[in-house]
């Protein structure tokens, strides 16, 4: 009997221990709510459907949670999750209900947060005026309640809407002021978002240099460096901006970093943007095989993101309607129809990829044909110019050696016959002889072969200074040692044409000609202080300047480049760059 009582007693103790363990292990509603809150925040970016289910579970706990703040958190997060799943109608309805509730309570902080989400939605669909109205309403309430810290973020959103409405200058002024204020307040997050938005505004304006000015400092921000996602975004933006500037080396450098961080973050959305940028870099660099590979990656990832988004939306819609007892509507979705739609989409993408490949091949063939045409044209131009110079040299020699000698002979004969009485006739003969010699020099500068380019240009400078009210100075020290005969002739002709334009068209009073060797490049700089001209206008004329074309062609034939800078009333500067290894 005693044994039975003891057994029963021990059994009772064991049962009580298990019961007490279960009671102790059970989470309180508040603890469970906070845990779900943390989990849903983490899930929202990668698994929005999981996040929505966690939020719905939080909503079921609300009756056991007395504080109003719990309801606010649930509604806010639920609306956000529905927006991510593209359930915009349900999302906006929740936010507007919350907005009316908290505007009545004059809770400026909550109103600002709600309006930020609503405004973001209208901004994403291009309703900038509606978004602007919402942000300005929230800012007014924050000012009334003296929540000045919240106005920084609202000012930034207002500035972005002005950019969306096309008022870029107002947007820039507001963003610059906001960045200054954020810096004074030590608010690095708002400062970083302001710099990024200002960079985006300049990018939209196609002012890519200024876009870089505000994007590059973000790499030093501790806020940006603390987030793999944000670092990846900044590097991708930089790569895209350098691509627009056709600076493919920097574009590739930042894109490589973007690939690293975006791959770590595992964001397919950003990853297909990276492949798209890589495809454009390779295409512009003429690497068509590599470009095609990254284009295929871009298409595949985009297809994957689309399919995943489609499935998330469907699952999210199912979760929402299950909560509201609307399972009947979900059952009407035809699974076969969904599969067929995805197949059609993939087939369409496959056709587009094939067409794109065909276009790329066609463009490559056109590009190659164009290059071959350019080479043929350049060779023809080179031959033409060389033939022209040889012909000039022959005619100059004929004028000097044959006609010049004949005129000199005539002069001597006239002098023997008439003595010194026919001074006018002798003077005319002298002038004719001088004219023939000048024409001979203009046709081909014989002193170029005898004296070299440096001294020839010096002689030309003195001649021009003597004939016209134009002071010409030159410093081409050492140029003859690094140039061959063909290069000397072409540079001399370009200098002749530049001086001719300065006299005839620019009304210049001074011309300066200099040269220098920079690394493996010879640079020749031609400058005048004349009236200048509009380069684009000169190029677009129905009868463009033959002189400009001739100068450019001569330099291109030497595998060099010529940079022409000219402004009205500010003079003209031509900078010629020639690779030294091809000029000897």
Protein backbone atom coordinates (compact mmCIF):
# COMPACT_ATOMS: atom_id res chain seq x y z
CA UNK A 1 0.00 0.00 0.00
CA UNK A 2 2.82 2.33 0.94
CA UNK A 3 4.67 1.30 -2.22
CA UNK A 4 1.64 2.21 -4.39
CA UNK A 5 1.30 5.61 -2.70
CA UNK A 6 4.97 6.34 -3.29
CA UNK A 7 4.68 5.34 -6.97
CA UNK A 8 1.66 7.57 -7.38
CA UNK A 9 3.44 10.41 -5.62
CA UNK A 10 6.51 10.15 -7.88
CA UNK A 11 4.28 9.93 -10.95
CA UNK A 12 2.44 13.05 -9.85
CA UNK A 13 5.77 14.89 -9.37
CA UNK A 14 6.91 13.93 -12.89
CA UNK A 15 3.60 15.10 -14.40
CA UNK A 16 3.83 18.40 -12.51
CA UNK A 17 7.42 18.89 -13.72
CA UNK A 18 6.40 18.42 -17.37
CA UNK A 19 3.43 20.76 -16.95
CA UNK A 20 5.54 23.42 -15.28
CA UNK A 21 8.20 23.10 -17.99
CA UNK A 22 5.57 23.61 -20.69
CA UNK A 23 4.12 26.64 -18.88
CA UNK A 24 7.57 28.18 -18.39
CA UNK A 25 8.56 27.46 -22.02
CA UNK A 26 5.43 29.17 -23.41
CA UNK A 27 6.26 32.63 -24.77
CA UNK A 28 4.32 35.68 -23.63
CA UNK A 29 2.34 37.54 -26.37
CA UNK A 30 4.66 40.55 -26.13
CA UNK A 31 7.80 38.42 -26.48
CA UNK A 32 6.28 36.46 -29.37
CA UNK A 33 5.23 39.72 -31.08
CA UNK A 34 8.72 41.21 -30.80
CA UNK A 35 10.30 38.04 -32.13
CA UNK A 36 7.96 38.02 -35.16
CA UNK A 37 8.63 41.74 -35.66
CA UNK A 38 12.38 41.10 -35.93
CA UNK A 39 11.94 38.06 -38.18
CA UNK A 40 9.58 39.86 -40.57
CA UNK A 41 12.00 42.78 -40.91
CA UNK A 42 14.73 40.38 -42.00
CA UNK A 43 12.44 38.40 -44.32
CA UNK A 44 10.88 41.35 -46.14
CA UNK A 45 13.76 41.96 -48.59
CA UNK A 46 14.32 38.33 -49.64
CA UNK A 47 11.14 36.45 -48.72
CA UNK A 48 8.18 38.86 -48.78
CA UNK A 49 5.64 36.01 -48.62
CA UNK A 50 7.26 34.67 -45.42
CA UNK A 51 7.32 38.21 -44.03
CA UNK A 52 3.60 38.68 -44.77
CA UNK A 53 2.71 35.41 -42.99
CA UNK A 54 4.75 36.51 -39.96
CA UNK A 55 2.97 39.89 -39.96
CA UNK A 56 -0.43 38.18 -40.17
CA UNK A 57 0.57 36.06 -37.16
CA UNK A 58 1.48 39.30 -35.33
CA UNK A 59 -1.99 40.62 -36.20
CA UNK A 60 -3.61 37.61 -34.47
CA UNK A 61 -1.76 38.55 -31.25
CA UNK A 62 -3.19 42.11 -31.14
CA UNK A 63 -6.26 41.30 -28.94
CA UNK A 64 -3.88 40.21 -26.16
CA UNK A 65 -1.71 43.34 -26.54
CA UNK A 66 -3.25 46.49 -25.02
CA UNK A 67 -0.86 49.17 -26.38
CA UNK A 68 -1.90 51.10 -29.54
CA UNK A 69 1.70 51.10 -30.79
CA UNK A 70 1.49 47.36 -31.53
CA UNK A 71 -1.45 47.92 -33.91
CA UNK A 72 0.47 50.71 -35.65
CA UNK A 73 3.50 48.42 -36.21
CA UNK A 74 1.32 45.63 -37.63
CA UNK A 75 -0.64 47.88 -40.02
CA UNK A 76 2.49 49.70 -41.19
CA UNK A 77 4.41 46.49 -41.87
CA UNK A 78 1.42 44.78 -43.45
CA UNK A 79 0.94 47.66 -45.91
CA UNK A 80 4.66 47.57 -46.72
CA UNK A 81 4.66 43.80 -47.37
CA UNK A 82 1.60 44.09 -49.62
CA UNK A 83 3.32 46.85 -51.59
CA UNK A 84 6.39 44.65 -52.12
CA UNK A 85 4.02 41.95 -53.41
CA UNK A 86 2.41 44.53 -55.75
CA UNK A 87 -0.95 44.41 -53.89
CA UNK A 88 -1.15 48.18 -54.27
CA UNK A 89 -4.88 48.69 -53.73
CA UNK A 90 -4.89 46.88 -50.37
CA UNK A 91 -1.62 48.56 -49.37
CA UNK A 92 -2.80 52.12 -50.14
CA UNK A 93 -6.15 51.53 -48.42
CA UNK A 94 -4.36 50.55 -45.19
CA UNK A 95 -2.02 53.57 -45.35
CA UNK A 96 -4.84 56.04 -46.00
CA UNK A 97 -6.83 54.61 -43.05
CA UNK A 98 -3.74 55.00 -40.85
CA UNK A 99 -3.11 58.53 -42.19
CA UNK A 100 -6.63 59.67 -41.25
CA UNK A 101 -6.31 58.08 -37.80
CA UNK A 102 -2.95 59.64 -36.88
CA UNK A 103 -3.69 63.03 -38.44
CA UNK A 104 -6.68 63.26 -36.09
CA UNK A 105 -4.36 62.39 -33.22
CA UNK A 106 -1.85 64.96 -34.57
CA UNK A 107 0.93 62.40 -34.19
CA UNK A 108 3.46 64.09 -36.48
CA UNK A 109 6.12 61.35 -36.31
CA UNK A 110 3.73 58.59 -37.37
CA UNK A 111 2.12 60.80 -40.03
CA UNK A 112 5.57 61.56 -41.50
CA UNK A 113 6.43 57.84 -41.67
CA UNK A 114 3.07 56.95 -43.30
CA UNK A 115 3.29 59.79 -45.82
CA UNK A 116 6.83 58.72 -46.70
CA UNK A 117 5.53 55.28 -47.74
CA UNK A 118 2.51 56.69 -49.59
CA UNK A 119 4.62 59.30 -51.34
CA UNK A 120 7.13 56.63 -52.36
CA UNK A 121 4.33 54.66 -53.99
CA UNK A 122 3.06 57.65 -55.98
CA UNK A 123 6.64 58.56 -56.91
CA UNK A 124 7.25 55.04 -58.26
CA UNK A 125 4.18 55.26 -60.53
CA UNK A 126 5.11 58.76 -61.73
CA UNK A 127 2.42 60.70 -59.79
CA UNK A 128 4.90 63.34 -58.62
CA UNK A 129 2.31 66.07 -57.99
CA UNK A 130 0.29 63.78 -55.67
CA UNK A 131 3.46 62.67 -53.84
CA UNK A 132 4.53 66.33 -53.46
CA UNK A 133 1.15 67.23 -51.93
CA UNK A 134 1.47 64.44 -49.36
CA UNK A 135 5.04 65.30 -48.34
CA UNK A 136 4.26 69.01 -47.96
CA UNK A 137 1.23 68.15 -45.80
CA UNK A 138 3.38 66.01 -43.52
CA UNK A 139 6.08 68.69 -43.34
CA UNK A 140 3.51 71.30 -42.26
CA UNK A 141 2.34 69.09 -39.39
CA UNK A 142 5.95 68.36 -38.30
CA UNK A 143 6.69 72.09 -38.20
CA UNK A 144 3.54 72.73 -36.16
CA UNK A 145 4.59 70.07 -33.66
CA UNK A 146 8.25 71.23 -33.79
CA UNK A 147 9.57 67.86 -34.95
CA UNK A 148 12.33 69.55 -36.94
CA UNK A 149 14.46 66.42 -37.29
CA UNK A 150 11.73 64.76 -39.39
CA UNK A 151 11.58 67.73 -41.79
CA UNK A 152 15.09 66.87 -43.09
CA UNK A 153 13.87 63.61 -44.63
CA UNK A 154 10.63 65.23 -45.84
CA UNK A 155 12.55 68.09 -47.47
CA UNK A 156 14.59 65.53 -49.36
CA UNK A 157 11.46 63.76 -50.61
CA UNK A 158 9.94 67.12 -51.64
CA UNK A 159 13.11 67.95 -53.59
CA UNK A 160 12.93 64.61 -55.45
CA UNK A 161 9.32 65.27 -56.49
CA UNK A 162 10.34 68.65 -57.95
CA UNK A 163 12.92 66.80 -60.04
CA UNK A 164 10.20 64.39 -61.17
CA UNK A 165 8.07 67.38 -62.21
CA UNK A 166 10.99 68.74 -64.27
CA UNK A 167 12.07 71.58 -61.95
CA UNK A 168 15.65 70.34 -61.63
CA UNK A 169 17.13 73.62 -60.39
CA UNK A 170 14.71 73.86 -57.45
CA UNK A 171 15.36 70.20 -56.66
CA UNK A 172 19.14 70.79 -56.67
CA UNK A 173 18.87 73.85 -54.40
CA UNK A 174 16.73 71.98 -51.87
CA UNK A 175 18.97 68.89 -51.89
CA UNK A 176 22.14 70.97 -51.44
CA UNK A 177 20.56 72.80 -48.47
CA UNK A 178 19.36 69.51 -47.02
CA UNK A 179 22.84 67.97 -47.31
CA UNK A 180 24.35 71.00 -45.54
CA UNK A 181 21.78 70.79 -42.72
CA UNK A 182 22.23 67.02 -42.33
CA UNK A 183 25.99 67.51 -42.07
CA UNK A 184 25.53 70.18 -39.38
CA UNK A 185 23.18 67.89 -37.44
CA UNK A 186 25.58 64.95 -37.78
CA UNK A 187 22.84 62.94 -39.52
CA UNK A 188 25.00 60.75 -41.78
CA UNK A 189 22.09 58.64 -43.07
CA UNK A 190 20.14 61.66 -44.35
CA UNK A 191 23.38 63.16 -45.72
CA UNK A 192 24.15 59.94 -47.63
CA UNK A 193 20.62 59.71 -49.08
CA UNK A 194 20.81 63.40 -50.03
CA UNK A 195 24.14 62.93 -51.85
CA UNK A 196 22.77 59.89 -53.67
CA UNK A 197 19.60 61.71 -54.73
CA UNK A 198 21.55 64.76 -55.90
CA UNK A 199 23.79 62.46 -57.92
CA UNK A 200 20.69 60.85 -59.48
CA UNK A 201 19.22 64.27 -60.38
CA UNK A 202 22.41 65.26 -62.23
CA UNK A 203 22.44 61.83 -63.89
CA UNK A 204 18.87 62.45 -65.08
CA UNK A 205 20.06 65.83 -66.45
CA UNK A 206 22.88 63.94 -68.25
CA UNK A 207 25.47 65.99 -66.35
CA UNK A 208 27.52 62.91 -65.55
CA UNK A 209 30.59 64.77 -64.23
CA UNK A 210 28.53 66.40 -61.46
CA UNK A 211 26.74 63.12 -60.85
CA UNK A 212 30.14 61.57 -60.05
CA UNK A 213 31.02 64.53 -57.80
CA UNK A 214 28.21 63.58 -55.40
CA UNK A 215 28.35 59.79 -55.81
CA UNK A 216 32.09 59.19 -55.19
CA UNK A 217 32.16 60.67 -51.60
CA UNK A 218 29.58 58.06 -50.58
CA UNK A 219 32.32 55.42 -50.71
CA UNK A 220 33.86 57.07 -47.60
CA UNK A 221 30.57 57.02 -45.66
CA UNK A 222 30.53 54.65 -42.66
CA UNK A 223 26.79 54.25 -43.21
CA UNK A 224 27.34 53.02 -46.77
CA UNK A 225 30.33 50.86 -45.80
CA UNK A 226 28.25 49.17 -43.09
CA UNK A 227 25.85 47.70 -45.66
CA UNK A 228 26.79 45.21 -48.36
CA UNK A 229 23.60 46.13 -50.23
CA UNK A 230 24.31 49.90 -50.21
CA UNK A 231 27.95 49.41 -51.24
CA UNK A 232 26.84 47.29 -54.17
CA UNK A 233 24.28 49.94 -55.20
CA UNK A 234 26.82 52.79 -55.05
CA UNK A 235 29.43 50.86 -57.08
CA UNK A 236 26.80 49.94 -59.68
CA UNK A 237 25.70 53.59 -60.00
CA UNK A 238 29.32 54.67 -60.44
CA UNK A 239 29.90 52.03 -63.12
CA UNK A 240 26.77 53.15 -64.98
CA UNK A 241 27.82 56.84 -64.81
CA UNK A 242 31.35 56.16 -66.08
CA UNK A 243 29.79 54.10 -68.87
CA UNK A 244 27.80 57.18 -69.96
CA UNK A 245 31.08 59.15 -69.98
CA UNK A 246 32.62 56.37 -72.14
CA UNK A 247 35.33 55.93 -69.48
CA UNK A 248 35.28 52.15 -69.79
CA UNK A 249 38.29 51.53 -67.52
CA UNK A 250 36.68 53.21 -64.49
CA UNK A 251 33.28 51.75 -65.40
CA UNK A 252 34.82 48.26 -65.32
CA UNK A 253 36.71 48.93 -62.07
CA UNK A 254 33.55 49.94 -60.15
CA UNK A 255 31.44 47.27 -61.82
CA UNK A 256 33.87 44.58 -60.60
CA UNK A 257 33.30 45.81 -57.01
CA UNK A 258 29.54 45.96 -57.59
CA UNK A 259 29.54 42.31 -58.68
CA UNK A 260 31.37 41.32 -55.48
CA UNK A 261 28.98 43.03 -53.04
CA UNK A 262 25.75 42.34 -54.94
CA UNK A 263 26.69 38.66 -55.24
CA UNK A 264 27.31 38.58 -51.47
CA UNK A 265 23.93 40.18 -50.87
CA UNK A 266 22.37 37.73 -53.33
CA UNK A 267 20.14 40.37 -54.94
CA UNK A 268 18.99 39.15 -58.34
CA UNK A 269 17.44 42.55 -59.13
CA UNK A 270 20.80 44.33 -58.82
CA UNK A 271 22.70 41.42 -60.35
CA UNK A 272 20.87 41.58 -63.65
CA UNK A 273 21.50 45.35 -63.71
CA UNK A 274 25.23 44.58 -63.29
CA UNK A 275 25.15 42.11 -66.20
CA UNK A 276 23.32 44.71 -68.28
CA UNK A 277 26.04 47.31 -67.57
CA UNK A 278 28.80 44.75 -68.27
CA UNK A 279 27.13 43.89 -71.59
CA UNK A 280 27.12 47.60 -72.56
CA UNK A 281 30.81 48.05 -71.58
CA UNK A 282 31.91 45.06 -73.67
CA UNK A 283 29.70 46.08 -76.59
CA UNK A 284 31.19 49.59 -76.65
CA UNK A 285 34.69 48.10 -76.36
CA UNK A 286 34.09 45.82 -79.35
CA UNK A 287 34.15 42.61 -77.27
CA UNK A 288 31.01 41.17 -78.81
CA UNK A 289 31.48 37.58 -77.63
CA UNK A 290 31.79 38.64 -73.97
CA UNK A 291 28.95 41.15 -74.46
CA UNK A 292 26.67 38.38 -75.70
CA UNK A 293 27.46 36.20 -72.66
CA UNK A 294 26.51 38.97 -70.20
CA UNK A 295 23.41 39.83 -72.20
CA UNK A 296 22.28 36.21 -71.89
CA UNK A 297 22.96 36.38 -68.12
CA UNK A 298 20.93 39.58 -67.95
CA UNK A 299 17.99 38.00 -69.82
CA UNK A 300 18.08 34.81 -67.71
CA UNK A 301 18.20 36.69 -64.39
CA UNK A 302 15.44 39.02 -65.50
CA UNK A 303 13.33 36.00 -66.43
CA UNK A 304 14.11 34.40 -63.03
CA UNK A 305 13.20 37.59 -61.14
CA UNK A 306 9.97 37.90 -63.14
CA UNK A 307 8.98 34.30 -62.44
CA UNK A 308 9.87 34.57 -58.74
CA UNK A 309 7.97 37.84 -58.45
CA UNK A 310 4.96 36.25 -60.15
CA UNK A 311 4.97 33.31 -57.73
CA UNK A 312 5.46 35.61 -54.71
CA UNK A 313 2.53 37.76 -55.75
CA UNK A 314 0.31 34.73 -56.19
CA UNK A 315 1.34 33.23 -52.83
CA UNK A 316 1.02 36.60 -51.10
CA UNK A 317 -2.46 37.08 -52.51
CA UNK A 318 -3.37 33.61 -51.28
CA UNK A 319 -2.14 34.39 -47.74
CA UNK A 320 -4.10 37.63 -47.64
CA UNK A 321 -7.35 36.08 -48.83
CA UNK A 322 -6.98 33.08 -46.52
CA UNK A 323 -6.95 35.52 -43.62
CA UNK A 324 -10.09 37.18 -44.95
CA UNK A 325 -11.87 33.89 -45.80
CA UNK A 326 -11.70 34.43 -49.56
CA UNK A 327 -10.23 31.09 -50.54
CA UNK A 328 -12.84 30.69 -53.26
CA UNK A 329 -11.28 33.46 -55.35
CA UNK A 330 -7.84 31.87 -55.13
CA UNK A 331 -9.20 28.53 -56.39
CA UNK A 332 -10.33 30.25 -59.59
CA UNK A 333 -6.69 30.79 -60.53
CA UNK A 334 -5.89 28.24 -63.22
CA UNK A 335 -2.49 26.66 -62.60
CA UNK A 336 -2.18 25.55 -66.21
CA UNK A 337 -2.80 29.10 -67.35
CA UNK A 338 0.05 30.29 -65.12
CA UNK A 339 2.43 27.66 -66.50
CA UNK A 340 1.43 28.49 -70.08
CA UNK A 341 1.97 32.21 -69.45
CA UNK A 342 5.46 31.58 -68.08
CA UNK A 343 6.29 29.36 -71.09
CA UNK A 344 5.08 32.05 -73.48
CA UNK A 345 7.14 34.65 -71.66
CA UNK A 346 10.23 32.47 -71.80
CA UNK A 347 9.64 31.75 -75.49
CA UNK A 348 9.27 35.48 -76.12
CA UNK A 349 12.51 36.17 -74.27
CA UNK A 350 14.21 33.44 -76.30
CA UNK A 351 13.02 35.00 -79.56
CA UNK A 352 14.13 38.44 -78.38
CA UNK A 353 17.55 37.01 -77.45
CA UNK A 354 17.89 35.41 -80.89
CA UNK A 355 16.87 38.65 -82.59
CA UNK A 356 19.29 40.59 -80.42
CA UNK A 357 22.09 38.18 -81.35
CA UNK A 358 21.24 38.66 -85.02
CA UNK A 359 21.26 42.45 -84.55
CA UNK A 360 24.63 42.26 -82.77
CA UNK A 361 26.09 40.19 -85.60
CA UNK A 362 24.66 42.64 -88.15
CA UNK A 363 26.03 45.63 -86.23
CA UNK A 364 29.42 43.95 -86.00
CA UNK A 365 29.48 43.37 -89.77
CA UNK A 366 28.41 46.99 -90.39
CA UNK A 367 31.08 48.18 -87.96
CA UNK A 368 33.77 46.08 -89.67
CA UNK A 369 32.68 47.28 -93.11
CA UNK A 370 32.73 50.88 -91.88
CA UNK A 371 36.24 50.41 -90.45
CA UNK A 372 37.43 48.99 -93.76
CA UNK A 373 35.88 51.95 -95.59
CA UNK A 374 37.61 54.33 -93.18
CA UNK A 375 40.98 52.63 -93.78
CA UNK A 376 40.47 52.78 -97.58
CA UNK A 377 39.43 56.44 -97.37
CA UNK A 378 42.39 57.30 -95.15
CA UNK A 379 44.83 55.52 -97.46
CA UNK A 380 43.32 57.35 -100.44
CA UNK A 381 43.57 60.70 -98.62
CA UNK A 382 47.16 59.94 -97.63
CA UNK A 383 48.06 59.12 -101.23
CA UNK A 384 46.22 62.21 -102.46
CA UNK A 385 48.04 64.53 -100.04
CA UNK A 386 51.42 62.96 -100.83
CA UNK A 387 50.72 63.32 -104.58
CA UNK A 388 49.65 66.91 -103.99
CA UNK A 389 52.86 67.70 -102.06
CA UNK A 390 55.02 66.06 -104.76
CA UNK A 391 53.22 68.02 -107.46
CA UNK A 392 53.65 71.25 -105.51
CA UNK A 393 57.35 70.46 -105.12
CA UNK A 394 57.69 69.84 -108.88
CA UNK A 395 55.85 73.04 -109.82
CA UNK A 396 57.84 75.04 -107.27
CA UNK A 397 61.07 73.69 -108.71
CA UNK A 398 59.91 74.51 -112.26
CA UNK A 399 58.97 78.05 -111.24
CA UNK A 400 62.27 78.60 -109.44
CA UNK A 401 64.66 76.83 -111.78
CA UNK A 402 63.05 77.37 -115.18
CA UNK A 403 60.74 80.39 -115.21
CA UNK A 404 62.79 82.23 -112.55
CA UNK A 405 65.99 81.74 -114.55
CA UNK A 406 64.26 82.85 -117.76
CA UNK A 407 62.99 86.05 -116.15
CA UNK A 408 66.47 86.74 -114.75
CA UNK A 409 67.91 86.23 -118.26
CA UNK A 410 65.33 88.63 -119.74
CA UNK A 411 66.27 91.22 -117.14
CA UNK A 412 69.94 91.00 -118.00
CA UNK A 413 69.23 91.25 -121.74
CA UNK A 414 66.96 94.28 -121.25
CA UNK A 415 69.68 95.93 -119.18
CA UNK A 416 72.27 95.38 -121.96
CA UNK A 417 69.97 96.75 -124.63
CA UNK A 418 68.48 99.75 -122.83
CA UNK A 419 71.01 100.51 -120.13
CA UNK A 420 69.60 102.11 -117.05
CA UNK A 421 66.97 104.22 -118.85
CA UNK A 422 64.15 101.72 -118.57
CA UNK A 423 63.91 101.73 -114.76
CA UNK A 424 60.18 100.98 -114.74
CA UNK A 425 60.68 97.94 -116.93
CA UNK A 426 63.49 96.68 -114.70
CA UNK A 427 61.39 97.27 -111.60
CA UNK A 428 58.48 95.32 -113.12
CA UNK A 429 60.78 92.43 -113.97
CA UNK A 430 62.19 92.43 -110.41
CA UNK A 431 58.71 92.38 -108.94
CA UNK A 432 57.65 89.56 -111.27
CA UNK A 433 60.75 87.57 -110.31
CA UNK A 434 60.05 88.12 -106.60
CA UNK A 435 56.42 87.08 -107.09
CA UNK A 436 57.48 83.87 -108.85
CA UNK A 437 59.84 83.08 -106.00
CA UNK A 438 57.11 83.75 -103.41
CA UNK A 439 54.68 81.47 -105.26
CA UNK A 440 57.40 78.83 -105.39
CA UNK A 441 57.94 79.10 -101.61
CA UNK A 442 54.19 78.90 -100.92
CA UNK A 443 53.79 75.85 -103.13
CA UNK A 444 56.59 74.00 -101.39
CA UNK A 445 58.83 75.35 -98.63
CA UNK A 446 62.26 74.29 -99.96
CA UNK A 447 63.90 75.56 -96.80
CA UNK A 448 61.98 72.85 -94.90
CA UNK A 449 64.34 70.22 -96.32
CA UNK A 450 67.41 72.40 -95.84
CA UNK A 451 66.72 74.05 -92.49
CA UNK A 452 64.27 71.71 -90.78
CA UNK A 453 60.82 72.35 -89.26
CA UNK A 454 61.93 74.51 -86.30
CA UNK A 455 63.82 77.09 -88.41
CA UNK A 456 61.26 76.94 -91.25
CA UNK A 457 58.47 77.93 -88.87
CA UNK A 458 60.72 80.68 -87.48
CA UNK A 459 61.25 82.01 -91.03
CA UNK A 460 57.49 81.79 -91.67
CA UNK A 461 56.83 83.68 -88.41
CA UNK A 462 59.17 86.52 -89.39
CA UNK A 463 57.69 86.68 -92.88
CA UNK A 464 54.09 86.89 -91.57
CA UNK A 465 55.06 89.43 -88.88
CA UNK A 466 56.66 91.58 -91.60
CA UNK A 467 53.73 91.42 -94.02
CA UNK A 468 50.78 91.69 -91.61
CA UNK A 469 49.98 93.43 -88.32
CA UNK A 470 50.28 90.05 -86.60
CA UNK A 471 53.03 89.10 -84.11
CA UNK A 472 53.97 85.41 -84.54
CA UNK A 473 56.32 83.71 -82.06
CA UNK A 474 57.47 80.10 -82.07
CA UNK A 475 59.36 77.69 -79.83
CA UNK A 476 59.74 74.26 -81.45
CA UNK A 477 63.06 73.35 -79.88
CA UNK A 478 64.01 69.68 -80.50
CA UNK A 479 61.07 68.92 -82.80
CA UNK A 480 63.28 67.98 -85.77
CA UNK A 481 64.94 65.16 -83.77
CA UNK A 482 61.63 63.34 -83.18
CA UNK A 483 59.89 63.79 -86.56
CA UNK A 484 60.40 62.43 -90.08
CA UNK A 485 60.05 64.23 -93.43
CA UNK A 486 56.35 63.41 -93.89
CA UNK A 487 55.49 64.53 -90.35
CA UNK A 488 57.39 67.82 -90.80
CA UNK A 489 55.51 68.64 -94.02
CA UNK A 490 52.09 67.95 -92.49
CA UNK A 491 52.78 69.89 -89.28
CA UNK A 492 54.10 72.83 -91.34
CA UNK A 493 50.93 72.82 -93.49
CA UNK A 494 48.71 72.79 -90.38
CA UNK A 495 50.67 75.73 -88.90
CA UNK A 496 50.36 77.61 -92.22
CA UNK A 497 46.58 77.05 -92.26
CA UNK A 498 46.21 78.10 -88.60
CA UNK A 499 48.13 81.36 -89.18
CA UNK A 500 46.15 81.98 -92.37
CA UNK A 501 42.85 81.62 -90.45
CA UNK A 502 44.13 83.87 -87.65
CA UNK A 503 44.90 86.60 -90.20
CA UNK A 504 41.84 86.27 -92.46
CA UNK A 505 39.03 85.33 -90.09
CA UNK A 506 40.01 85.84 -86.44
CA UNK A 507 41.53 89.35 -86.70
CA UNK A 508 44.18 88.20 -84.22
CA UNK A 509 47.10 90.40 -83.17
CA UNK A 510 49.29 87.57 -81.85
CA UNK A 511 49.95 83.88 -82.56
CA UNK A 512 52.03 81.54 -80.36
CA UNK A 513 53.42 78.18 -81.61
CA UNK A 514 55.06 75.77 -79.14
CA UNK A 515 55.88 72.09 -78.80
CA UNK A 516 56.75 69.68 -76.01
CA UNK A 517 57.34 65.96 -75.52
CA UNK A 518 55.13 64.37 -72.87
CA UNK A 519 56.04 60.73 -72.26
CA UNK A 520 55.80 59.05 -75.66
CA UNK A 521 53.69 61.82 -77.19
CA UNK A 522 54.68 64.92 -79.15
CA UNK A 523 52.38 67.86 -78.47
CA UNK A 524 52.22 70.94 -80.73
CA UNK A 525 50.13 73.85 -79.39
CA UNK A 526 48.82 76.61 -81.67
CA UNK A 527 47.19 79.66 -80.00
CA UNK A 528 45.84 83.01 -81.12
CA UNK A 529 44.06 85.88 -79.35
CA UNK A 530 41.50 86.43 -82.09
CA UNK A 531 37.71 86.61 -82.11
CA UNK A 532 37.29 82.82 -81.99
CA UNK A 533 34.50 80.79 -83.60
CA UNK A 534 31.81 78.22 -82.76
CA UNK A 535 33.27 74.82 -83.66
CA UNK A 536 29.90 73.03 -83.88
CA UNK A 537 28.45 75.75 -86.11
CA UNK A 538 31.50 75.54 -88.38
CA UNK A 539 31.10 71.76 -88.69
CA UNK A 540 27.33 71.89 -89.34
CA UNK A 541 27.45 74.47 -92.12
CA UNK A 542 26.20 73.30 -95.54
CA UNK A 543 29.65 74.30 -96.85
CA UNK A 544 32.00 73.48 -93.91
CA UNK A 545 35.53 74.84 -93.64
CA UNK A 546 37.91 73.02 -95.97
CA UNK A 547 40.83 74.28 -93.87
CA UNK A 548 39.57 72.63 -90.68
CA UNK A 549 38.92 69.38 -92.52
CA UNK A 550 42.37 69.48 -94.13
CA UNK A 551 44.11 70.05 -90.76
CA UNK A 552 42.20 67.20 -89.12
CA UNK A 553 42.90 64.80 -91.98
CA UNK A 554 46.62 65.58 -91.96
CA UNK A 555 46.89 64.88 -88.23
CA UNK A 556 44.77 61.71 -88.46
CA UNK A 557 47.04 60.42 -91.21
CA UNK A 558 49.89 60.69 -88.71
CA UNK A 559 47.84 58.54 -86.28
CA UNK A 560 47.47 61.59 -84.08
CA UNK A 561 44.62 63.69 -82.70
CA UNK A 562 43.80 67.40 -82.75
CA UNK A 563 41.79 69.09 -80.00
CA UNK A 564 40.17 72.34 -81.14
CA UNK A 565 39.01 74.77 -78.44
CA UNK A 566 37.54 78.13 -79.45
CA UNK A 567 35.08 80.56 -77.94
CA UNK A 568 33.68 83.85 -79.17
CA UNK A 569 36.02 86.73 -78.25
CA UNK A 570 38.29 84.33 -76.29
CA UNK A 571 40.76 83.18 -78.94
CA UNK A 572 41.48 79.76 -80.35
CA UNK A 573 43.77 76.92 -79.20
CA UNK A 574 44.58 73.80 -81.22
CA UNK A 575 46.45 71.00 -79.41
CA UNK A 576 48.02 68.39 -81.69
CA UNK A 577 49.06 65.04 -80.13
CA UNK A 578 51.26 62.62 -82.08
CA UNK A 579 52.66 59.24 -80.95
CA UNK A 580 56.46 59.55 -81.11
CA UNK A 581 57.13 55.93 -82.07
CA UNK A 582 55.23 56.42 -85.36
CA UNK A 583 56.84 59.75 -86.39
CA UNK A 584 60.54 58.76 -86.65
